[in-house]
Amino acid sequence: NTFILEINNKLIDIKASMFLRNYQSLKKFNLINLHLERIQKQMYLAATSNKNFHLWFHPHNFGLNPSENIFLLTKIFEYFNILNKGYGMISKNMSNFSN
């Protein structure tokens, strides 16, 4: 789920690595920890191989159980900070990629 950025004819292909599922759908099947572990594993692979990892979600999916959803996102940010300090992983938005 990690990738190297490809640019063809000034078009940038930013692949979707993983979708951050909302708390409600994860809790229904008791998958909260597994989902976080999978995301963290892919983040680690990207950080240690100098590749990209694109975690995406729709903010409106956080509408139900906002505290729990923000908690999931916070856990991901905390892990990102570890990877940033240990491996130099950086965070980019779509505008950063286009520059």
Protein backbone atom coordinates (compact mmCIF):
# COMPACT_ATOMS: atom_id res chain seq x y z
CA ASN A 1 0.00 0.00 0.00
CA THR A 2 3.03 2.28 -0.17
CA PHE A 3 4.08 3.88 -3.42
CA ILE A 4 6.58 6.06 -5.22
CA LEU A 5 5.07 9.20 -6.69
CA GLU A 6 4.58 9.04 -10.46
CA ILE A 7 4.24 12.09 -12.68
CA ASN A 8 3.10 11.61 -16.28
CA ASN A 9 2.52 14.61 -18.55
CA LYS A 10 2.25 16.88 -15.49
CA LEU A 11 -0.42 14.61 -13.98
CA ILE A 12 0.36 13.31 -10.51
CA ASP A 13 -0.87 9.86 -9.54
CA ILE A 14 -1.41 9.91 -5.78
CA LYS A 15 -2.51 6.39 -5.00
CA ALA A 16 -4.91 5.72 -2.15
CA SER A 17 -3.07 3.51 0.32
CA MET A 18 -5.72 2.99 2.96
CA PHE A 19 -9.13 4.28 3.97
CA LEU A 20 -9.52 5.29 7.61
CA ARG A 21 -12.74 3.60 8.61
CA ASN A 22 -14.97 5.30 11.12
CA TYR A 23 -15.26 4.13 14.69
CA GLN A 24 -18.84 2.93 14.35
CA SER A 25 -18.11 0.52 11.49
CA LEU A 26 -14.95 -0.77 13.22
CA LYS A 27 -16.65 -1.29 16.58
CA LYS A 28 -19.46 -3.25 14.96
CA PHE A 29 -16.99 -5.99 14.00
CA ASN A 30 -14.49 -5.43 16.85
CA LEU A 31 -11.79 -4.31 14.39
CA ILE A 32 -10.53 -1.08 15.98
CA ASN A 33 -7.12 -2.37 17.08
CA LEU A 34 -6.58 -4.45 13.94
CA HIS A 35 -7.35 -1.47 11.71
CA LEU A 36 -4.93 0.78 13.63
CA GLU A 37 -2.23 -1.90 13.48
CA ARG A 38 -2.62 -2.26 9.72
CA ILE A 39 -2.36 1.49 9.22
CA GLN A 40 0.69 1.71 11.46
CA LYS A 41 2.38 -1.19 9.68
CA GLN A 42 1.93 0.50 6.31
CA MET A 43 3.12 3.82 7.71
CA TYR A 44 6.24 2.08 9.06
CA LEU A 45 6.91 0.46 5.68
CA ALA A 46 6.59 3.82 3.95
CA ALA A 47 8.88 5.55 6.46
CA THR A 48 11.59 2.89 6.31
CA SER A 49 11.56 2.55 2.51
CA ASN A 50 11.27 6.26 1.67
CA LYS A 51 7.92 5.77 -0.02
CA ASN A 52 4.54 7.45 0.30
CA PHE A 53 1.50 6.36 2.26
CA HIS A 54 -1.83 8.03 1.56
CA LEU A 55 -4.35 7.63 4.36
CA TRP A 56 -7.66 9.09 3.31
CA PHE A 57 -11.10 9.53 4.81
CA HIS A 58 -14.19 11.63 4.44
CA PRO A 59 -14.64 14.10 7.32
CA HIS A 60 -18.40 13.58 7.25
CA ASN A 61 -17.80 9.95 8.28
CA PHE A 62 -16.63 11.32 11.63
CA GLY A 63 -20.07 12.81 12.32
CA LEU A 64 -21.23 9.94 14.50
CA ASN A 65 -19.04 9.25 17.53
CA PRO A 66 -16.77 12.26 16.87
CA SER A 67 -14.75 11.79 20.08
CA GLU A 68 -13.96 8.17 19.24
CA ASN A 69 -13.08 9.04 15.64
CA ILE A 70 -10.77 11.85 16.75
CA PHE A 71 -9.18 9.40 19.19
CA LEU A 72 -8.37 7.05 16.27
CA LEU A 73 -6.91 9.93 14.29
CA THR A 74 -4.90 11.05 17.32
CA LYS A 75 -3.37 7.58 17.65
CA ILE A 76 -2.30 7.77 14.01
CA PHE A 77 -0.78 11.25 14.54
CA GLU A 78 1.09 10.01 17.60
CA TYR A 79 2.57 7.15 15.58
CA PHE A 80 3.43 9.54 12.77
CA ASN A 81 5.42 11.65 15.26
CA ILE A 82 7.43 8.55 16.21
CA LEU A 83 8.15 7.84 12.54
CA ASN A 84 8.98 11.48 11.90
CA LYS A 85 11.56 11.55 14.70
CA GLY A 86 12.97 8.11 14.00
CA TYR A 87 12.96 7.98 10.20
CA GLY A 88 12.30 11.52 8.99
CA MET A 89 8.82 10.74 7.70
CA ILE A 90 7.05 13.91 6.61
CA SER A 91 3.40 14.78 6.18
CA LYS A 92 2.18 16.25 2.92
CA ASN A 93 -1.13 17.50 1.66
CA MET A 94 -2.31 17.51 -1.95
CA SER A 95 -0.87 20.95 -2.56
CA ASN A 96 2.57 19.80 -1.33
CA PHE A 97 2.54 16.99 -3.87
CA SER A 98 1.70 19.32 -6.73
CA ASN A 99 4.62 21.62 -5.90
